[in-house]
Amino acid sequence: MNEFISKRNETVAKNMIPFLEKRGFEGYFAKDKEEAKKIALDLIKEGSSVTWGGTVSAEEIGLKSALKEGNYVVYDRAEAKNEDEVQEIYRKAYFCDYFLASANAITEKGEIVNIDGNANRVSAIAFGPKNVLFIVGVNKIVKDVEDGLTRARNYSAPINGMRLGLSTPCAKTGVCMDCMAPDCMCCQFMITRKSKVPGRIKVILVNENLGF
């Protein structure tokens, strides 16, 4: 990343921390992937139960691998043998100590924007796990909620549709078609603007491009 782009992104991200704290979130800044992983592992106590939604960002910083190799109780739906086991892991998420997630977008004032198909991710963000830990690259910072929804629908969703091999119109056209397709990923729209439980939601802003 260009030196001045990196400095600009760092300034914007650090300026967001007070907004996150006003919303009852805990905010952290990481200069790179390694620091982000270290912050996350410092937050997640050994022995904790952990699972995640569809987060590429947590994988990219090496957090998923570190948790599997460490002293943690990890529920990974990718290791499920069948759909029944996938659904069981979805439900176990509500009783976990930590739920890992990313954001489709986050505003400069700390509002977190997500869309979901199965709703397992957004429902766990809203209620259930004792802690929700967001790993968010600076590429996902937007001006406001409207920009966040635009990003989620016209950038994140098409890329995820392609990545998952879905037959949604956006996976074919690269932009949102406001579809009602069977594979539609835009079933639930969620704006997380405040945590009712102070500190339950933790956000690590990483000065790298992560996920989609």
C-alpha atoms as a PDB file:
ATOM      1  CA  MET A   1       0.000   0.000   0.000  1.00  0.00           C
ATOM      2  CA  ASN A   2       1.300   3.483  -0.880  1.00  0.00           C
ATOM      3  CA  GLU A   3       2.813   5.286   2.123  1.00  0.00           C
ATOM      4  CA  PHE A   4       0.435   8.245   1.940  1.00  0.00           C
ATOM      5  CA  ILE A   5      -2.640   6.113   1.322  1.00  0.00           C
ATOM      6  CA  SER A   6      -1.650   4.063   4.365  1.00  0.00           C
ATOM      7  CA  LYS A   7      -1.196   7.196   6.489  1.00  0.00           C
ATOM      8  CA  ARG A   8      -4.557   8.583   5.363  1.00  0.00           C
ATOM      9  CA  ASN A   9      -6.281   5.266   6.169  1.00  0.00           C
ATOM     10  CA  GLU A  10      -4.606   5.116   9.580  1.00  0.00           C
ATOM     11  CA  THR A  11      -5.805   8.639  10.385  1.00  0.00           C
ATOM     12  CA  VAL A  12      -9.390   7.870   9.367  1.00  0.00           C
ATOM     13  CA  ALA A  13      -9.426   4.569  11.287  1.00  0.00           C
ATOM     14  CA  LYS A  14      -7.981   6.052  14.483  1.00  0.00           C
ATOM     15  CA  ASN A  15     -10.491   8.909  14.320  1.00  0.00           C
ATOM     16  CA  MET A  16     -13.253   6.276  14.294  1.00  0.00           C
ATOM     17  CA  ILE A  17     -12.272   4.775  17.666  1.00  0.00           C
ATOM     18  CA  PRO A  18     -14.095   7.423  19.791  1.00  0.00           C
ATOM     19  CA  PHE A  19     -17.242   6.940  17.691  1.00  0.00           C
ATOM     20  CA  LEU A  20     -17.078   3.189  18.275  1.00  0.00           C
ATOM     21  CA  GLU A  21     -16.686   3.725  22.008  1.00  0.00           C
ATOM     22  CA  LYS A  22     -19.693   6.082  22.103  1.00  0.00           C
ATOM     23  CA  ARG A  23     -21.720   3.253  20.608  1.00  0.00           C
ATOM     24  CA  GLY A  24     -20.730   0.891  23.419  1.00  0.00           C
ATOM     25  CA  PHE A  25     -18.211  -0.951  21.242  1.00  0.00           C
ATOM     26  CA  GLU A  26     -14.550  -1.541  21.984  1.00  0.00           C
ATOM     27  CA  GLY A  27     -12.382  -0.160  19.196  1.00  0.00           C
ATOM     28  CA  TYR A  28      -8.828  -1.171  18.278  1.00  0.00           C
ATOM     29  CA  PHE A  29      -6.442  -0.189  15.499  1.00  0.00           C
ATOM     30  CA  ALA A  30      -3.941  -2.612  13.965  1.00  0.00           C
ATOM     31  CA  LYS A  31      -1.238  -1.491  11.580  1.00  0.00           C
ATOM     32  CA  ASP A  32      -1.218  -4.835   9.751  1.00  0.00           C
ATOM     33  CA  LYS A  33      -2.506  -8.431   9.734  1.00  0.00           C
ATOM     34  CA  GLU A  34      -0.023  -9.694  12.321  1.00  0.00           C
ATOM     35  CA  GLU A  35      -0.910  -6.995  14.815  1.00  0.00           C
ATOM     36  CA  ALA A  36      -4.614  -7.631  14.207  1.00  0.00           C
ATOM     37  CA  LYS A  37      -4.130 -11.338  14.979  1.00  0.00           C
ATOM     38  CA  LYS A  38      -2.187 -10.509  18.131  1.00  0.00           C
ATOM     39  CA  ILE A  39      -4.895  -8.125  19.376  1.00  0.00           C
ATOM     40  CA  ALA A  40      -7.570 -10.727  18.678  1.00  0.00           C
ATOM     41  CA  LEU A  41      -5.702 -13.500  20.501  1.00  0.00           C
ATOM     42  CA  ASP A  42      -5.077 -11.165  23.457  1.00  0.00           C
ATOM     43  CA  LEU A  43      -8.840 -10.590  23.649  1.00  0.00           C
ATOM     44  CA  ILE A  44      -9.887 -14.239  23.299  1.00  0.00           C
ATOM     45  CA  LYS A  45      -8.895 -16.025  26.495  1.00  0.00           C
ATOM     46  CA  GLU A  46      -7.563 -19.567  26.222  1.00  0.00           C
ATOM     47  CA  GLY A  47     -10.269 -22.154  26.755  1.00  0.00           C
ATOM     48  CA  SER A  48     -12.919 -19.928  25.181  1.00  0.00           C
ATOM     49  CA  SER A  49     -15.458 -21.380  22.774  1.00  0.00           C
ATOM     50  CA  VAL A  50     -15.278 -19.720  19.372  1.00  0.00           C
ATOM     51  CA  THR A  51     -17.043 -19.877  16.034  1.00  0.00           C
ATOM     52  CA  TRP A  52     -17.628 -17.560  13.097  1.00  0.00           C
ATOM     53  CA  GLY A  53     -19.874 -16.541  10.260  1.00  0.00           C
ATOM     54  CA  GLY A  54     -18.708 -16.139   6.693  1.00  0.00           C
ATOM     55  CA  THR A  55     -15.605 -14.052   7.397  1.00  0.00           C
ATOM     56  CA  VAL A  56     -12.742 -14.117   4.917  1.00  0.00           C
ATOM     57  CA  SER A  57     -10.985 -11.373   6.897  1.00  0.00           C
ATOM     58  CA  ALA A  58     -10.440 -13.556   9.981  1.00  0.00           C
ATOM     59  CA  GLU A  59      -8.912 -16.183   7.736  1.00  0.00           C
ATOM     60  CA  GLU A  60      -6.668 -13.690   5.946  1.00  0.00           C
ATOM     61  CA  ILE A  61      -5.072 -12.475   9.186  1.00  0.00           C
ATOM     62  CA  GLY A  62      -4.423 -16.085  10.241  1.00  0.00           C
ATOM     63  CA  LEU A  63      -6.826 -15.969  13.189  1.00  0.00           C
ATOM     64  CA  LYS A  64      -8.845 -19.062  12.313  1.00  0.00           C
ATOM     65  CA  SER A  65      -5.715 -21.214  12.025  1.00  0.00           C
ATOM     66  CA  ALA A  66      -4.271 -19.818  15.256  1.00  0.00           C
ATOM     67  CA  LEU A  67      -7.449 -20.651  17.159  1.00  0.00           C
ATOM     68  CA  LYS A  68      -7.574 -24.189  15.776  1.00  0.00           C
ATOM     69  CA  GLU A  69      -3.948 -24.734  16.742  1.00  0.00           C
ATOM     70  CA  GLY A  70      -4.372 -23.190  20.193  1.00  0.00           C
ATOM     71  CA  ASN A  71      -6.189 -24.041  23.406  1.00  0.00           C
ATOM     72  CA  TYR A  72      -9.714 -23.120  22.321  1.00  0.00           C
ATOM     73  CA  VAL A  73     -13.010 -24.884  21.688  1.00  0.00           C
ATOM     74  CA  VAL A  74     -13.587 -24.167  17.991  1.00  0.00           C
ATOM     75  CA  TYR A  75     -16.747 -24.863  16.017  1.00  0.00           C
ATOM     76  CA  ASP A  76     -16.011 -24.677  12.294  1.00  0.00           C
ATOM     77  CA  ARG A  77     -18.913 -25.304   9.944  1.00  0.00           C
ATOM     78  CA  ALA A  78     -16.428 -26.069   7.148  1.00  0.00           C
ATOM     79  CA  GLU A  79     -15.624 -29.304   9.001  1.00  0.00           C
ATOM     80  CA  ALA A  80     -19.259 -30.380   9.278  1.00  0.00           C
ATOM     81  CA  LYS A  81     -20.024 -33.717   7.618  1.00  0.00           C
ATOM     82  CA  ASN A  82     -23.542 -32.828   6.535  1.00  0.00           C
ATOM     83  CA  GLU A  83     -26.169 -30.080   6.591  1.00  0.00           C
ATOM     84  CA  ASP A  84     -27.515 -31.198   9.964  1.00  0.00           C
ATOM     85  CA  GLU A  85     -24.083 -30.621  11.515  1.00  0.00           C
ATOM     86  CA  VAL A  86     -23.860 -27.211   9.831  1.00  0.00           C
ATOM     87  CA  GLN A  87     -27.178 -26.224  11.381  1.00  0.00           C
ATOM     88  CA  GLU A  88     -26.041 -27.514  14.774  1.00  0.00           C
ATOM     89  CA  ILE A  89     -22.933 -25.317  14.597  1.00  0.00           C
ATOM     90  CA  TYR A  90     -25.101 -22.328  13.625  1.00  0.00           C
ATOM     91  CA  ARG A  91     -27.069 -22.841  16.826  1.00  0.00           C
ATOM     92  CA  LYS A  92     -24.026 -23.449  19.008  1.00  0.00           C
ATOM     93  CA  ALA A  93     -22.853 -19.974  18.001  1.00  0.00           C
ATOM     94  CA  TYR A  94     -25.452 -18.400  20.280  1.00  0.00           C
ATOM     95  CA  PHE A  95     -23.794 -19.982  23.326  1.00  0.00           C
ATOM     96  CA  CYS A  96     -20.170 -19.310  22.366  1.00  0.00           C
ATOM     97  CA  ASP A  97     -17.823 -17.012  24.233  1.00  0.00           C
ATOM     98  CA  TYR A  98     -16.724 -15.403  20.966  1.00  0.00           C
ATOM     99  CA  PHE A  99     -18.279 -15.044  17.540  1.00  0.00           C
ATOM    100  CA  LEU A 100     -15.941 -13.826  14.794  1.00  0.00           C
ATOM    101  CA  ALA A 101     -17.321 -11.672  12.014  1.00  0.00           C
ATOM    102  CA  SER A 102     -16.407  -9.032   9.541  1.00  0.00           C
ATOM    103  CA  ALA A 103     -18.483  -6.238   8.064  1.00  0.00           C
ATOM    104  CA  ASN A 104     -19.680  -5.615   4.558  1.00  0.00           C
ATOM    105  CA  ALA A 105     -19.059  -1.971   5.431  1.00  0.00           C
ATOM    106  CA  ILE A 106     -18.432   0.295   8.411  1.00  0.00           C
ATOM    107  CA  THR A 107     -19.140   4.009   8.444  1.00  0.00           C
ATOM    108  CA  GLU A 108     -16.729   6.696   9.593  1.00  0.00           C
ATOM    109  CA  LYS A 109     -19.027   7.181  12.603  1.00  0.00           C
ATOM    110  CA  GLY A 110     -18.893   3.501  13.557  1.00  0.00           C
ATOM    111  CA  GLU A 111     -22.137   2.057  12.195  1.00  0.00           C
ATOM    112  CA  ILE A 112     -21.644  -1.542  11.013  1.00  0.00           C
ATOM    113  CA  VAL A 113     -23.457  -2.677   7.865  1.00  0.00           C
ATOM    114  CA  ASN A 114     -24.094  -6.318   7.008  1.00  0.00           C
ATOM    115  CA  ILE A 115     -26.317  -8.329   4.678  1.00  0.00           C
ATOM    116  CA  ASP A 116     -26.977 -12.031   5.052  1.00  0.00           C
ATOM    117  CA  GLY A 117     -28.725 -14.896   3.339  1.00  0.00           C
ATOM    118  CA  ASN A 118     -29.195 -17.541   6.048  1.00  0.00           C
ATOM    119  CA  ALA A 119     -29.207 -14.910   8.834  1.00  0.00           C
ATOM    120  CA  ASN A 120     -26.970 -17.065  11.052  1.00  0.00           C
ATOM    121  CA  ARG A 121     -24.314 -14.344  10.953  1.00  0.00           C
ATOM    122  CA  VAL A 122     -26.461 -11.278  11.597  1.00  0.00           C
ATOM    123  CA  SER A 123     -28.563 -13.040  14.228  1.00  0.00           C
ATOM    124  CA  ALA A 124     -25.433 -13.993  16.204  1.00  0.00           C
ATOM    125  CA  ILE A 125     -24.155 -10.440  15.902  1.00  0.00           C
ATOM    126  CA  ALA A 126     -27.431  -9.160  17.318  1.00  0.00           C
ATOM    127  CA  PHE A 127     -27.861 -11.605  20.194  1.00  0.00           C
ATOM    128  CA  GLY A 128     -26.427 -14.720  21.775  1.00  0.00           C
ATOM    129  CA  PRO A 129     -22.621 -14.993  21.927  1.00  0.00           C
ATOM    130  CA  LYS A 130     -20.996 -13.311  24.912  1.00  0.00           C
ATOM    131  CA  ASN A 131     -18.650 -11.394  22.616  1.00  0.00           C
ATOM    132  CA  VAL A 132     -18.675 -10.479  18.934  1.00  0.00           C
ATOM    133  CA  LEU A 133     -15.282  -9.681  17.412  1.00  0.00           C
ATOM    134  CA  PHE A 134     -15.194  -7.842  14.090  1.00  0.00           C
ATOM    135  CA  ILE A 135     -12.066  -7.899  11.921  1.00  0.00           C
ATOM    136  CA  VAL A 136     -12.454  -5.025   9.443  1.00  0.00           C
ATOM    137  CA  GLY A 137     -10.011  -3.882   6.783  1.00  0.00           C
ATOM    138  CA  VAL A 138      -9.786  -0.182   5.934  1.00  0.00           C
ATOM    139  CA  ASN A 139     -11.148  -0.967   2.465  1.00  0.00           C
ATOM    140  CA  LYS A 140     -14.579  -1.341   4.075  1.00  0.00           C
ATOM    141  CA  ILE A 141     -14.751   2.146   5.574  1.00  0.00           C
ATOM    142  CA  VAL A 142     -17.487   4.269   3.973  1.00  0.00           C
ATOM    143  CA  LYS A 143     -18.964   7.697   4.606  1.00  0.00           C
ATOM    144  CA  ASP A 144     -22.439   6.713   5.805  1.00  0.00           C
ATOM    145  CA  VAL A 145     -25.012   3.903   6.006  1.00  0.00           C
ATOM    146  CA  GLU A 146     -26.344   4.566   2.514  1.00  0.00           C
ATOM    147  CA  ASP A 147     -22.842   4.161   1.080  1.00  0.00           C
ATOM    148  CA  GLY A 148     -22.449   1.038   3.201  1.00  0.00           C
ATOM    149  CA  LEU A 149     -25.582  -0.566   1.789  1.00  0.00           C
ATOM    150  CA  THR A 150     -24.488   0.331  -1.732  1.00  0.00           C
ATOM    151  CA  ARG A 151     -21.113  -1.278  -1.112  1.00  0.00           C
ATOM    152  CA  ALA A 152     -22.668  -4.377   0.421  1.00  0.00           C
ATOM    153  CA  ARG A 153     -25.116  -4.933  -2.419  1.00  0.00           C
ATOM    154  CA  ASN A 154     -22.992  -3.937  -5.421  1.00  0.00           C
ATOM    155  CA  TYR A 155     -19.538  -5.065  -4.337  1.00  0.00           C
ATOM    156  CA  SER A 156     -19.560  -7.554  -1.462  1.00  0.00           C
ATOM    157  CA  ALA A 157     -22.558  -9.614  -2.556  1.00  0.00           C
ATOM    158  CA  PRO A 158     -21.510 -10.150  -6.204  1.00  0.00           C
ATOM    159  CA  ILE A 159     -17.976 -11.174  -5.185  1.00  0.00           C
ATOM    160  CA  ASN A 160     -19.267 -13.562  -2.533  1.00  0.00           C
ATOM    161  CA  GLY A 161     -21.752 -14.962  -5.026  1.00  0.00           C
ATOM    162  CA  MET A 162     -18.899 -15.701  -7.428  1.00  0.00           C
ATOM    163  CA  ARG A 163     -16.720 -17.092  -4.624  1.00  0.00           C
ATOM    164  CA  LEU A 164     -19.452 -19.457  -3.448  1.00  0.00           C
ATOM    165  CA  GLY A 165     -20.518 -20.484  -6.933  1.00  0.00           C
ATOM    166  CA  LEU A 166     -24.075 -19.218  -6.507  1.00  0.00           C
ATOM    167  CA  SER A 167     -26.518 -18.698  -9.351  1.00  0.00           C
ATOM    168  CA  THR A 168     -27.632 -15.244  -8.265  1.00  0.00           C
ATOM    169  CA  PRO A 169     -28.000 -12.518 -10.914  1.00  0.00           C
ATOM    170  CA  CYS A 170     -25.315 -10.428  -9.180  1.00  0.00           C
ATOM    171  CA  ALA A 171     -22.822 -13.290  -9.535  1.00  0.00           C
ATOM    172  CA  LYS A 172     -23.419 -13.144 -13.280  1.00  0.00           C
ATOM    173  CA  THR A 173     -23.605  -9.360 -13.771  1.00  0.00           C
ATOM    174  CA  GLY A 174     -21.313  -8.106 -10.984  1.00  0.00           C
ATOM    175  CA  VAL A 175     -23.962  -5.735  -9.615  1.00  0.00           C
ATOM    176  CA  CYS A 176     -27.091  -6.046  -7.489  1.00  0.00           C
ATOM    177  CA  MET A 177     -30.239  -6.826  -9.494  1.00  0.00           C
ATOM    178  CA  ASP A 178     -32.558  -6.623  -6.458  1.00  0.00           C
ATOM    179  CA  CYS A 179     -33.311 -10.293  -7.051  1.00  0.00           C
ATOM    180  CA  MET A 180     -35.599 -12.832  -5.417  1.00  0.00           C
ATOM    181  CA  ALA A 181     -33.444 -15.763  -6.554  1.00  0.00           C
ATOM    182  CA  PRO A 182     -33.380 -18.984  -4.467  1.00  0.00           C
ATOM    183  CA  ASP A 183     -29.684 -18.344  -3.691  1.00  0.00           C
ATOM    184  CA  CYS A 184     -30.270 -14.683  -2.772  1.00  0.00           C
ATOM    185  CA  MET A 185     -27.741 -13.467  -0.178  1.00  0.00           C
ATOM    186  CA  CYS A 186     -29.583 -10.220   0.538  1.00  0.00           C
ATOM    187  CA  CYS A 187     -32.367 -11.650   2.700  1.00  0.00           C
ATOM    188  CA  GLN A 188     -31.446  -9.728   5.832  1.00  0.00           C
ATOM    189  CA  PHE A 189     -30.079  -6.187   6.108  1.00  0.00           C
ATOM    190  CA  MET A 190     -28.620  -5.214   9.458  1.00  0.00           C
ATOM    191  CA  ILE A 191     -27.247  -1.940  10.769  1.00  0.00           C
ATOM    192  CA  THR A 192     -25.462  -2.314  14.100  1.00  0.00           C
ATOM    193  CA  ARG A 193     -25.438   1.205  15.522  1.00  0.00           C
ATOM    194  CA  LYS A 194     -25.040   0.486  19.256  1.00  0.00           C
ATOM    195  CA  SER A 195     -24.302  -2.316  21.692  1.00  0.00           C
ATOM    196  CA  LYS A 196     -26.850  -2.642  24.486  1.00  0.00           C
ATOM    197  CA  VAL A 197     -24.213  -4.556  26.444  1.00  0.00           C
ATOM    198  CA  PRO A 198     -21.136  -2.305  26.762  1.00  0.00           C
ATOM    199  CA  GLY A 199     -18.038  -3.916  25.289  1.00  0.00           C
ATOM    200  CA  ARG A 200     -19.793  -6.997  23.899  1.00  0.00           C
ATOM    201  CA  ILE A 201     -18.943  -5.881  20.362  1.00  0.00           C
ATOM    202  CA  LYS A 202     -15.250  -5.388  19.655  1.00  0.00           C
ATOM    203  CA  VAL A 203     -13.948  -3.946  16.378  1.00  0.00           C
ATOM    204  CA  ILE A 204     -10.377  -4.295  15.150  1.00  0.00           C
ATOM    205  CA  LEU A 205      -9.741  -1.865  12.298  1.00  0.00           C
ATOM    206  CA  VAL A 206      -6.824  -3.147  10.230  1.00  0.00           C
ATOM    207  CA  ASN A 207      -4.740  -0.900   7.976  1.00  0.00           C
ATOM    208  CA  GLU A 208      -4.851  -3.416   5.138  1.00  0.00           C
ATOM    209  CA  ASN A 209      -7.355  -4.459   2.489  1.00  0.00           C
ATOM    210  CA  LEU A 210      -9.160  -7.500   3.857  1.00  0.00           C
ATOM    211  CA  GLY A 211     -12.060  -9.531   2.548  1.00  0.00           C
ATOM    212  CA  PHE A 212     -14.709  -8.104   0.287  1.00  0.00           C
END
